Amino acid sequence: MNRNSNAYTFIFAIILVVVAASLLAFVSESTKERRANNIKLEKMQNILSTIGINVSREEAGEVFTNYVKQELSLKLDGSVDVNVKAFDVNLNHELKKNKNEQRFPIYVAEKDGKKYYVIPLYGAGLWDAIWGYMAFADDENTIVGASFDHAGETPGLGAEINQSWFEDQFIGDQIMKGSKFVSVKVVKGGTPESNKHGVDGLSGGTITADGVSAMIEERLKHYLAYFKNN
């Protein structure tokens, strides 16, 4: 075949694409298990961080069961679905289901003789998904820790949700006002010191901040039945 012909160039290009695609597929498949394990360990690490256990990703796998004593998958009525593993629940998929069909994972942890409840969060920011974990004291009301992350928020603005200065503001806040669920909101311009239901907003990241507020409220309200009956 004439190497200067269009046919030769076309066939050569196809061969290159097929070879490159095959190599990428091989690499992806060969590292699939490792990537899944890293995601699992990072999840453990983030859950532990909300109750003040700050360890490396590798260490998280070793100490996770020392602190997390129960992994429950809840139904909307607050009862436990023993057929679904909490750790396997993908909130991105669950949010696409009818609420009665969703399962709501919760992790019951113990540290220094105290009980904590860790709830996973998932929502939408300005550009893409945002998610996190929020831990509550034994009163099922007071926040003791929060961890957030994002898929593609603006650096220096909305992306600041995963910084400790933002996450730590939630510590000590409460989601109940008397017997009424009020959640906790990210408020532009800050909140009065006496307000236990809001934290300072993100400068230039209002839409992401609103997404965090909406995510927290939407997810937490589904756990009220469990807390009421627990």
Foldseek 3Di string as FASTA:
>chain_A
DDCPDPVVVVVVVVVVVVVVVVVVVVVCVVCVVVVVLLVLLVVLQQQCVQQPDHDDSVVSVVCSCVWFPDKFWAFLLQDTDPVDGNSPFDVVVQVVDDSRPHIWIWTWTDDPRWIKIKGKWWWAFDPGIKIWIWMDGPLLWFTQWIAIATDDDDPLFLRCCRPCVNGVQLGGATQDDVPRGNAAAADDPADDPPHRRYGHHTVVRVRRRRGVRVRRVVNVVSNPSNSVVD
